Amino acid sequence: MPTAAPRITVVPRQSGDPEPDLLGITVAHRAMLADLRRLIDLAIAVRDRDVICTPGRARAISRYVELLCESIHHHHSTEDTVLWPVIQASVGSHLDLSELTEDHAALDPRLDQLRARAAAFRLSMGDRHIAALMVIELAELSALLTEHIEEEEHDVFPLITEHVSVADWTAVEATARAGGRLWFEGPRALAVMTNDERAQLVGRGGIGLRIVLAVVAMRYRRLDRAVFGAGIPREFEVVPDERDETPDISR
């Protein structure tokens, strides 16, 4: 379902005002591409019989692909219905973001096809020939998304930092979080952050955020292990520790 546009009263950023922090959207982009690479490698291993799928693992892989497609769709729907209007109102009517919107529209059929392929993979209980088709479709999606993200970060991020106020950016991020699955998005974001970025995030959120991340990581950890097998990145292990003011959550 498309994200409903919130009522944001746009007040453009003025010279000298603080700039929005784009860590969240940057990490979201990074997590999408990292997951696509992981799934491509896994599908290749199934195709080549380096990994033999049990029915349970086939179901888990299918579910992960479905969740990733949902996450990507939610991300670009939020951009279309919430972020682009905020940027447009902040910059002015002369700004044309239609090319990026067209990119999003072109992604949707590919996401639908990948969901259908994942369902077929589940029903076939991990057929290697279906895995071979998934390799192609995941790789094509990865290439398209990589190009789109590079263009967006090059062209749009400077517009956000120059023209969008911190208050309006905060409202955009709140809408994105409200429509997503924290248990899926949070641990994936942590996994692609640098140690400095994690310390920055938890330093801002304090012990409350640290506890929330520890709780949501447990559900994600089960799915990740079912899909990718052996242990998961240490970044998913978030243990509350009140002794640290700005703890390193990678421990």
C-alpha atoms as a PDB file:
ATOM      1  CA  MET A   1       0.000   0.000   0.000  1.00  0.00           C
ATOM      2  CA  PRO A   2       1.332   3.497  -0.826  1.00  0.00           C
ATOM      3  CA  THR A   3       2.381   5.598   2.131  1.00  0.00           C
ATOM      4  CA  ALA A   4      -0.247   8.256   2.903  1.00  0.00           C
ATOM      5  CA  ALA A   5       1.206  11.742   2.707  1.00  0.00           C
ATOM      6  CA  PRO A   6       1.280  13.406   6.141  1.00  0.00           C
ATOM      7  CA  ARG A   7       0.298  16.996   6.808  1.00  0.00           C
ATOM      8  CA  ILE A   8       3.713  18.652   6.810  1.00  0.00           C
ATOM      9  CA  THR A   9       3.726  22.442   6.880  1.00  0.00           C
ATOM     10  CA  VAL A  10       6.925  23.091   4.997  1.00  0.00           C
ATOM     11  CA  VAL A  11       9.197  25.862   6.250  1.00  0.00           C
ATOM     12  CA  PRO A  12      12.340  25.902   4.085  1.00  0.00           C
ATOM     13  CA  ARG A  13      15.727  25.884   5.740  1.00  0.00           C
ATOM     14  CA  GLN A  14      17.341  29.306   6.034  1.00  0.00           C
ATOM     15  CA  SER A  15      21.025  30.075   5.626  1.00  0.00           C
ATOM     16  CA  GLY A  16      22.788  29.370   8.902  1.00  0.00           C
ATOM     17  CA  ASP A  17      20.174  26.863  10.122  1.00  0.00           C
ATOM     18  CA  PRO A  18      21.424  23.372  11.045  1.00  0.00           C
ATOM     19  CA  GLU A  19      21.421  20.845   8.207  1.00  0.00           C
ATOM     20  CA  PRO A  20      19.341  17.639   8.238  1.00  0.00           C
ATOM     21  CA  ASP A  21      21.222  14.479   9.191  1.00  0.00           C
ATOM     22  CA  LEU A  22      21.000  12.069   6.237  1.00  0.00           C
ATOM     23  CA  LEU A  23      22.488   9.052   8.024  1.00  0.00           C
ATOM     24  CA  GLY A  24      19.145   7.223   8.129  1.00  0.00           C
ATOM     25  CA  ILE A  25      18.381   7.382   4.408  1.00  0.00           C
ATOM     26  CA  THR A  26      22.015   6.711   3.517  1.00  0.00           C
ATOM     27  CA  VAL A  27      22.056   3.562   5.637  1.00  0.00           C
ATOM     28  CA  ALA A  28      18.684   2.450   4.229  1.00  0.00           C
ATOM     29  CA  HIS A  29      20.150   2.626   0.724  1.00  0.00           C
ATOM     30  CA  ARG A  30      23.244   0.756   1.847  1.00  0.00           C
ATOM     31  CA  ALA A  31      21.189  -1.999   3.496  1.00  0.00           C
ATOM     32  CA  MET A  32      19.065  -2.601   0.383  1.00  0.00           C
ATOM     33  CA  LEU A  33      22.095  -3.086  -1.838  1.00  0.00           C
ATOM     34  CA  ALA A  34      23.902  -5.236   0.735  1.00  0.00           C
ATOM     35  CA  ASP A  35      20.887  -7.544   1.034  1.00  0.00           C
ATOM     36  CA  LEU A  36      20.585  -7.895  -2.731  1.00  0.00           C
ATOM     37  CA  ARG A  37      24.250  -8.919  -2.917  1.00  0.00           C
ATOM     38  CA  ARG A  38      23.776 -11.463  -0.119  1.00  0.00           C
ATOM     39  CA  LEU A  39      20.716 -12.950  -1.809  1.00  0.00           C
ATOM     40  CA  ILE A  40      22.456 -13.116  -5.193  1.00  0.00           C
ATOM     41  CA  ASP A  41      25.336 -15.062  -3.630  1.00  0.00           C
ATOM     42  CA  LEU A  42      22.893 -17.402  -1.869  1.00  0.00           C
ATOM     43  CA  ALA A  43      20.799 -18.000  -5.005  1.00  0.00           C
ATOM     44  CA  ILE A  44      23.982 -18.784  -6.952  1.00  0.00           C
ATOM     45  CA  ALA A  45      24.962 -21.318  -4.274  1.00  0.00           C
ATOM     46  CA  VAL A  46      21.530 -22.986  -4.513  1.00  0.00           C
ATOM     47  CA  ARG A  47      21.688 -22.964  -8.312  1.00  0.00           C
ATOM     48  CA  ASP A  48      25.124 -24.589  -8.272  1.00  0.00           C
ATOM     49  CA  ARG A  49      24.135 -27.074  -5.512  1.00  0.00           C
ATOM     50  CA  ASP A  50      26.682 -25.668  -3.105  1.00  0.00           C
ATOM     51  CA  VAL A  51      23.672 -25.151  -0.826  1.00  0.00           C
ATOM     52  CA  ILE A  52      20.922 -27.771  -0.671  1.00  0.00           C
ATOM     53  CA  CYS A  53      17.647 -26.234   0.491  1.00  0.00           C
ATOM     54  CA  THR A  54      15.403 -27.933   2.983  1.00  0.00           C
ATOM     55  CA  PRO A  55      11.719 -26.973   2.701  1.00  0.00           C
ATOM     56  CA  GLY A  56      12.142 -24.837   5.816  1.00  0.00           C
ATOM     57  CA  ARG A  57      15.081 -22.937   4.373  1.00  0.00           C
ATOM     58  CA  ALA A  58      13.242 -22.430   1.072  1.00  0.00           C
ATOM     59  CA  ARG A  59      10.343 -20.893   3.006  1.00  0.00           C
ATOM     60  CA  ALA A  60      12.719 -18.632   4.924  1.00  0.00           C
ATOM     61  CA  ILE A  61      14.476 -17.459   1.752  1.00  0.00           C
ATOM     62  CA  SER A  62      11.137 -16.749   0.113  1.00  0.00           C
ATOM     63  CA  ARG A  63       9.990 -14.765   3.141  1.00  0.00           C
ATOM     64  CA  TYR A  64      13.205 -12.739   3.212  1.00  0.00           C
ATOM     65  CA  VAL A  65      12.863 -11.845  -0.467  1.00  0.00           C
ATOM     66  CA  GLU A  66       9.249 -10.791   0.105  1.00  0.00           C
ATOM     67  CA  LEU A  67      10.237  -8.613   3.071  1.00  0.00           C
ATOM     68  CA  LEU A  68      13.061  -6.990   1.126  1.00  0.00           C
ATOM     69  CA  CYS A  69      10.736  -6.209  -1.802  1.00  0.00           C
ATOM     70  CA  GLU A  70       8.239  -4.718   0.640  1.00  0.00           C
ATOM     71  CA  SER A  71      10.997  -2.636   2.239  1.00  0.00           C
ATOM     72  CA  ILE A  72      12.223  -1.286  -1.111  1.00  0.00           C
ATOM     73  CA  HIS A  73       8.671  -0.459  -2.217  1.00  0.00           C
ATOM     74  CA  HIS A  74       7.911   1.306   1.073  1.00  0.00           C
ATOM     75  CA  HIS A  75      11.111   3.316   0.788  1.00  0.00           C
ATOM     76  CA  HIS A  76      10.467   4.661  -2.676  1.00  0.00           C
ATOM     77  CA  SER A  77       6.736   5.147  -2.048  1.00  0.00           C
ATOM     78  CA  THR A  78       7.602   7.339   0.932  1.00  0.00           C
ATOM     79  CA  GLU A  79       9.969   9.314  -1.254  1.00  0.00           C
ATOM     80  CA  ASP A  80       7.280   9.812  -3.925  1.00  0.00           C
ATOM     81  CA  THR A  81       4.427  10.767  -1.605  1.00  0.00           C
ATOM     82  CA  VAL A  82       6.247  12.493   1.248  1.00  0.00           C
ATOM     83  CA  LEU A  83       9.866  13.436   0.563  1.00  0.00           C
ATOM     84  CA  TRP A  84       9.563  14.725  -2.995  1.00  0.00           C
ATOM     85  CA  PRO A  85       6.685  17.129  -2.095  1.00  0.00           C
ATOM     86  CA  VAL A  86       8.699  18.439   0.877  1.00  0.00           C
ATOM     87  CA  ILE A  87      11.760  19.030  -1.318  1.00  0.00           C
ATOM     88  CA  GLN A  88       9.590  20.598  -4.026  1.00  0.00           C
ATOM     89  CA  ALA A  89       7.971  22.984  -1.548  1.00  0.00           C
ATOM     90  CA  SER A  90      11.353  23.841  -0.020  1.00  0.00           C
ATOM     91  CA  VAL A  91      13.212  24.444  -3.288  1.00  0.00           C
ATOM     92  CA  GLY A  92      10.477  25.816  -5.551  1.00  0.00           C
ATOM     93  CA  SER A  93       8.175  24.778  -8.377  1.00  0.00           C
ATOM     94  CA  HIS A  94      10.981  24.910 -10.953  1.00  0.00           C
ATOM     95  CA  LEU A  95      12.491  21.696  -9.546  1.00  0.00           C
ATOM     96  CA  ASP A  96      11.669  18.577 -11.605  1.00  0.00           C
ATOM     97  CA  LEU A  97      11.888  15.225  -9.798  1.00  0.00           C
ATOM     98  CA  SER A  98       9.835  13.289 -12.358  1.00  0.00           C
ATOM     99  CA  GLU A  99      12.814  11.256 -13.560  1.00  0.00           C
ATOM    100  CA  LEU A 100      13.334   9.783 -10.104  1.00  0.00           C
ATOM    101  CA  THR A 101       9.619   9.032  -9.793  1.00  0.00           C
ATOM    102  CA  GLU A 102       9.750   7.251 -13.155  1.00  0.00           C
ATOM    103  CA  ASP A 103      12.651   5.159 -11.849  1.00  0.00           C
ATOM    104  CA  HIS A 104      10.483   4.108  -8.910  1.00  0.00           C
ATOM    105  CA  ALA A 105       7.613   3.167 -11.240  1.00  0.00           C
ATOM    106  CA  ALA A 106       9.998   1.037 -13.303  1.00  0.00           C
ATOM    107  CA  LEU A 107      11.123  -0.835 -10.178  1.00  0.00           C
ATOM    108  CA  ASP A 108       7.628  -1.930  -9.129  1.00  0.00           C
ATOM    109  CA  PRO A 109       7.076  -4.574 -11.877  1.00  0.00           C
ATOM    110  CA  ARG A 110      10.473  -6.053 -11.064  1.00  0.00           C
ATOM    111  CA  LEU A 111       9.608  -6.232  -7.383  1.00  0.00           C
ATOM    112  CA  ASP A 112       6.310  -7.957  -8.253  1.00  0.00           C
ATOM    113  CA  GLN A 113       8.114 -10.463 -10.478  1.00  0.00           C
ATOM    114  CA  LEU A 114      10.658 -11.192  -7.764  1.00  0.00           C
ATOM    115  CA  ARG A 115       7.889 -11.758  -5.210  1.00  0.00           C
ATOM    116  CA  ALA A 116       6.250 -14.228  -7.602  1.00  0.00           C
ATOM    117  CA  ARG A 117       9.575 -15.999  -8.154  1.00  0.00           C
ATOM    118  CA  ALA A 118      10.128 -16.230  -4.398  1.00  0.00           C
ATOM    119  CA  ALA A 119       6.691 -17.788  -3.988  1.00  0.00           C
ATOM    120  CA  ALA A 120       7.510 -20.335  -6.693  1.00  0.00           C
ATOM    121  CA  PHE A 121      10.808 -21.086  -4.968  1.00  0.00           C
ATOM    122  CA  ARG A 122       8.939 -21.764  -1.731  1.00  0.00           C
ATOM    123  CA  LEU A 123       6.361 -24.008  -3.401  1.00  0.00           C
ATOM    124  CA  SER A 124       9.086 -25.956  -5.229  1.00  0.00           C
ATOM    125  CA  MET A 125      10.921 -26.387  -1.891  1.00  0.00           C
ATOM    126  CA  GLY A 126      14.107 -24.807  -3.216  1.00  0.00           C
ATOM    127  CA  ASP A 127      14.295 -25.864  -6.871  1.00  0.00           C
ATOM    128  CA  ARG A 128      17.716 -24.953  -8.298  1.00  0.00           C
ATOM    129  CA  HIS A 129      16.271 -23.976 -11.692  1.00  0.00           C
ATOM    130  CA  ILE A 130      14.020 -21.408 -10.049  1.00  0.00           C
ATOM    131  CA  ALA A 131      17.038 -20.256  -8.053  1.00  0.00           C
ATOM    132  CA  ALA A 132      18.845 -19.652 -11.372  1.00  0.00           C
ATOM    133  CA  LEU A 133      16.030 -17.348 -12.478  1.00  0.00           C
ATOM    134  CA  MET A 134      16.187 -15.578  -9.132  1.00  0.00           C
ATOM    135  CA  VAL A 135      19.889 -14.921  -9.689  1.00  0.00           C
ATOM    136  CA  ILE A 136      19.104 -13.081 -12.916  1.00  0.00           C
ATOM    137  CA  GLU A 137      16.227 -11.078 -11.454  1.00  0.00           C
ATOM    138  CA  LEU A 138      18.079 -10.150  -8.267  1.00  0.00           C
ATOM    139  CA  ALA A 139      21.114  -9.041 -10.286  1.00  0.00           C
ATOM    140  CA  GLU A 140      18.986  -6.904 -12.613  1.00  0.00           C
ATOM    141  CA  LEU A 141      17.230  -5.289  -9.653  1.00  0.00           C
ATOM    142  CA  SER A 142      20.570  -4.663  -7.944  1.00  0.00           C
ATOM    143  CA  ALA A 143      21.980  -2.954 -11.047  1.00  0.00           C
ATOM    144  CA  LEU A 144      18.930  -0.724 -11.479  1.00  0.00           C
ATOM    145  CA  LEU A 145      18.763   0.185  -7.805  1.00  0.00           C
ATOM    146  CA  THR A 146      22.490   0.917  -7.619  1.00  0.00           C
ATOM    147  CA  GLU A 147      22.245   3.345 -10.522  1.00  0.00           C
ATOM    148  CA  HIS A 148      19.121   4.982  -9.086  1.00  0.00           C
ATOM    149  CA  ILE A 149      20.621   5.393  -5.615  1.00  0.00           C
ATOM    150  CA  GLU A 150      23.835   6.880  -6.988  1.00  0.00           C
ATOM    151  CA  GLU A 151      21.816   9.425  -8.980  1.00  0.00           C
ATOM    152  CA  GLU A 152      19.568  10.231  -6.025  1.00  0.00           C
ATOM    153  CA  GLU A 153      22.422  10.727  -3.579  1.00  0.00           C
ATOM    154  CA  HIS A 154      24.340  12.850  -6.081  1.00  0.00           C
ATOM    155  CA  ASP A 155      21.429  15.054  -7.180  1.00  0.00           C
ATOM    156  CA  VAL A 156      18.916  15.068  -4.322  1.00  0.00           C
ATOM    157  CA  PHE A 157      20.967  14.890  -1.121  1.00  0.00           C
ATOM    158  CA  PRO A 158      22.531  18.345  -1.693  1.00  0.00           C
ATOM    159  CA  LEU A 159      19.027  19.777  -2.198  1.00  0.00           C
ATOM    160  CA  ILE A 160      17.911  18.308   1.126  1.00  0.00           C
ATOM    161  CA  THR A 161      20.865  19.607   3.119  1.00  0.00           C
ATOM    162  CA  GLU A 162      20.625  23.063   1.534  1.00  0.00           C
ATOM    163  CA  HIS A 163      16.853  23.631   1.451  1.00  0.00           C
ATOM    164  CA  VAL A 164      14.975  21.255   3.804  1.00  0.00           C
ATOM    165  CA  SER A 165      14.666  22.238   7.462  1.00  0.00           C
ATOM    166  CA  VAL A 166      15.570  19.854  10.266  1.00  0.00           C
ATOM    167  CA  ALA A 167      11.932  19.909  11.452  1.00  0.00           C
ATOM    168  CA  ASP A 168      10.581  18.930   8.034  1.00  0.00           C
ATOM    169  CA  TRP A 169      13.228  16.243   7.616  1.00  0.00           C
ATOM    170  CA  THR A 170      12.348  14.832  11.033  1.00  0.00           C
ATOM    171  CA  ALA A 171       8.699  14.609   9.950  1.00  0.00           C
ATOM    172  CA  VAL A 172       9.688  12.760   6.757  1.00  0.00           C
ATOM    173  CA  GLU A 173      11.776  10.254   8.722  1.00  0.00           C
ATOM    174  CA  ALA A 174       8.947   9.718  11.230  1.00  0.00           C
ATOM    175  CA  THR A 175       6.576   8.846   8.383  1.00  0.00           C
ATOM    176  CA  ALA A 176       9.099   6.400   6.929  1.00  0.00           C
ATOM    177  CA  ARG A 177       9.546   4.659  10.298  1.00  0.00           C
ATOM    178  CA  ALA A 178       5.789   4.481  10.930  1.00  0.00           C
ATOM    179  CA  GLY A 179       5.188   2.516   7.743  1.00  0.00           C
ATOM    180  CA  GLY A 180       8.122   0.119   8.056  1.00  0.00           C
ATOM    181  CA  ARG A 181       8.904  -3.035  10.034  1.00  0.00           C
ATOM    182  CA  LEU A 182      11.343  -2.046  12.778  1.00  0.00           C
ATOM    183  CA  TRP A 183      12.316  -5.650  13.513  1.00  0.00           C
ATOM    184  CA  PHE A 184      13.451  -6.051   9.876  1.00  0.00           C
ATOM    185  CA  GLU A 185      14.793  -2.580   9.120  1.00  0.00           C
ATOM    186  CA  GLY A 186      16.665  -1.876  12.360  1.00  0.00           C
ATOM    187  CA  PRO A 187      19.082  -4.825  12.491  1.00  0.00           C
ATOM    188  CA  ARG A 188      19.803  -4.579   8.755  1.00  0.00           C
ATOM    189  CA  ALA A 189      20.680  -0.909   9.157  1.00  0.00           C
ATOM    190  CA  LEU A 190      22.993  -1.685  12.078  1.00  0.00           C
ATOM    191  CA  ALA A 191      24.803  -4.336  10.059  1.00  0.00           C
ATOM    192  CA  VAL A 192      25.891  -1.882   7.347  1.00  0.00           C
ATOM    193  CA  MET A 193      26.864   0.979   9.668  1.00  0.00           C
ATOM    194  CA  THR A 194      30.434   1.779  10.567  1.00  0.00           C
ATOM    195  CA  ASN A 195      31.406   1.656  14.241  1.00  0.00           C
ATOM    196  CA  ASP A 196      31.416   5.456  14.348  1.00  0.00           C
ATOM    197  CA  GLU A 197      27.919   5.597  12.845  1.00  0.00           C
ATOM    198  CA  ARG A 198      26.592   3.103  15.393  1.00  0.00           C
ATOM    199  CA  ALA A 199      28.120   5.056  18.261  1.00  0.00           C
ATOM    200  CA  GLN A 200      26.569   8.239  16.854  1.00  0.00           C
ATOM    201  CA  LEU A 201      23.136   6.602  16.565  1.00  0.00           C
ATOM    202  CA  VAL A 202      23.100   5.089  20.025  1.00  0.00           C
ATOM    203  CA  GLY A 203      24.670   8.198  21.551  1.00  0.00           C
ATOM    204  CA  ARG A 204      21.651  10.181  20.309  1.00  0.00           C
ATOM    205  CA  GLY A 205      19.075   7.558  21.330  1.00  0.00           C
ATOM    206  CA  GLY A 206      20.549   6.565  24.695  1.00  0.00           C
ATOM    207  CA  ILE A 207      19.771   3.439  26.713  1.00  0.00           C
ATOM    208  CA  GLY A 208      16.155   3.332  25.504  1.00  0.00           C
ATOM    209  CA  LEU A 209      17.165   2.907  21.870  1.00  0.00           C
ATOM    210  CA  ARG A 210      19.809   0.364  22.854  1.00  0.00           C
ATOM    211  CA  ILE A 211      17.167  -1.798  24.564  1.00  0.00           C
ATOM    212  CA  VAL A 212      14.748  -1.520  21.626  1.00  0.00           C
ATOM    213  CA  LEU A 213      17.470  -2.576  19.195  1.00  0.00           C
ATOM    214  CA  ALA A 214      18.361  -5.557  21.370  1.00  0.00           C
ATOM    215  CA  VAL A 215      14.729  -6.717  21.412  1.00  0.00           C
ATOM    216  CA  VAL A 216      14.025  -6.348  17.689  1.00  0.00           C
ATOM    217  CA  ALA A 217      17.330  -8.010  16.804  1.00  0.00           C
ATOM    218  CA  MET A 218      16.183 -11.309  18.327  1.00  0.00           C
ATOM    219  CA  ARG A 219      13.384 -11.789  15.799  1.00  0.00           C
ATOM    220  CA  TYR A 220      15.560 -10.775  12.877  1.00  0.00           C
ATOM    221  CA  ARG A 221      18.388 -13.036  14.052  1.00  0.00           C
ATOM    222  CA  ARG A 222      16.163 -16.125  13.733  1.00  0.00           C
ATOM    223  CA  LEU A 223      15.180 -15.262  10.170  1.00  0.00           C
ATOM    224  CA  ASP A 224      18.716 -14.354   9.119  1.00  0.00           C
ATOM    225  CA  ARG A 225      20.082 -17.663  10.396  1.00  0.00           C
ATOM    226  CA  ALA A 226      17.317 -19.615   8.677  1.00  0.00           C
ATOM    227  CA  VAL A 227      18.118 -17.896   5.371  1.00  0.00           C
ATOM    228  CA  PHE A 228      21.873 -17.458   5.333  1.00  0.00           C
ATOM    229  CA  GLY A 229      22.953 -20.251   7.649  1.00  0.00           C
ATOM    230  CA  ALA A 230      25.883 -19.780  10.027  1.00  0.00           C
ATOM    231  CA  GLY A 231      26.310 -16.938  12.475  1.00  0.00           C
ATOM    232  CA  ILE A 232      25.205 -13.439  11.669  1.00  0.00           C
ATOM    233  CA  PRO A 233      27.260 -10.231  11.887  1.00  0.00           C
ATOM    234  CA  ARG A 234      28.169  -9.183  15.425  1.00  0.00           C
ATOM    235  CA  GLU A 235      26.489  -5.850  14.769  1.00  0.00           C
ATOM    236  CA  PHE A 236      23.132  -7.513  15.452  1.00  0.00           C
ATOM    237  CA  GLU A 237      24.176  -8.279  19.015  1.00  0.00           C
ATOM    238  CA  VAL A 238      23.057  -5.233  21.011  1.00  0.00           C
ATOM    239  CA  VAL A 239      23.456  -5.608  24.776  1.00  0.00           C
ATOM    240  CA  PRO A 240      22.225  -2.786  27.061  1.00  0.00           C
ATOM    241  CA  ASP A 241      24.963  -1.348  29.246  1.00  0.00           C
ATOM    242  CA  GLU A 242      24.189   1.713  31.363  1.00  0.00           C
ATOM    243  CA  ARG A 243      27.875   2.249  32.112  1.00  0.00           C
ATOM    244  CA  ASP A 244      28.502   3.525  28.573  1.00  0.00           C
ATOM    245  CA  GLU A 245      27.274   6.982  27.644  1.00  0.00           C
ATOM    246  CA  THR A 246      27.984   6.408  23.945  1.00  0.00           C
ATOM    247  CA  PRO A 247      28.408   2.637  23.748  1.00  0.00           C
ATOM    248  CA  ASP A 248      29.755   0.692  20.821  1.00  0.00           C
ATOM    249  CA  ILE A 249      26.858  -1.570  19.868  1.00  0.00           C
ATOM    250  CA  SER A 250      29.027  -3.804  17.715  1.00  0.00           C
ATOM    251  CA  ARG A 251      30.291  -5.652  20.792  1.00  0.00           C
END
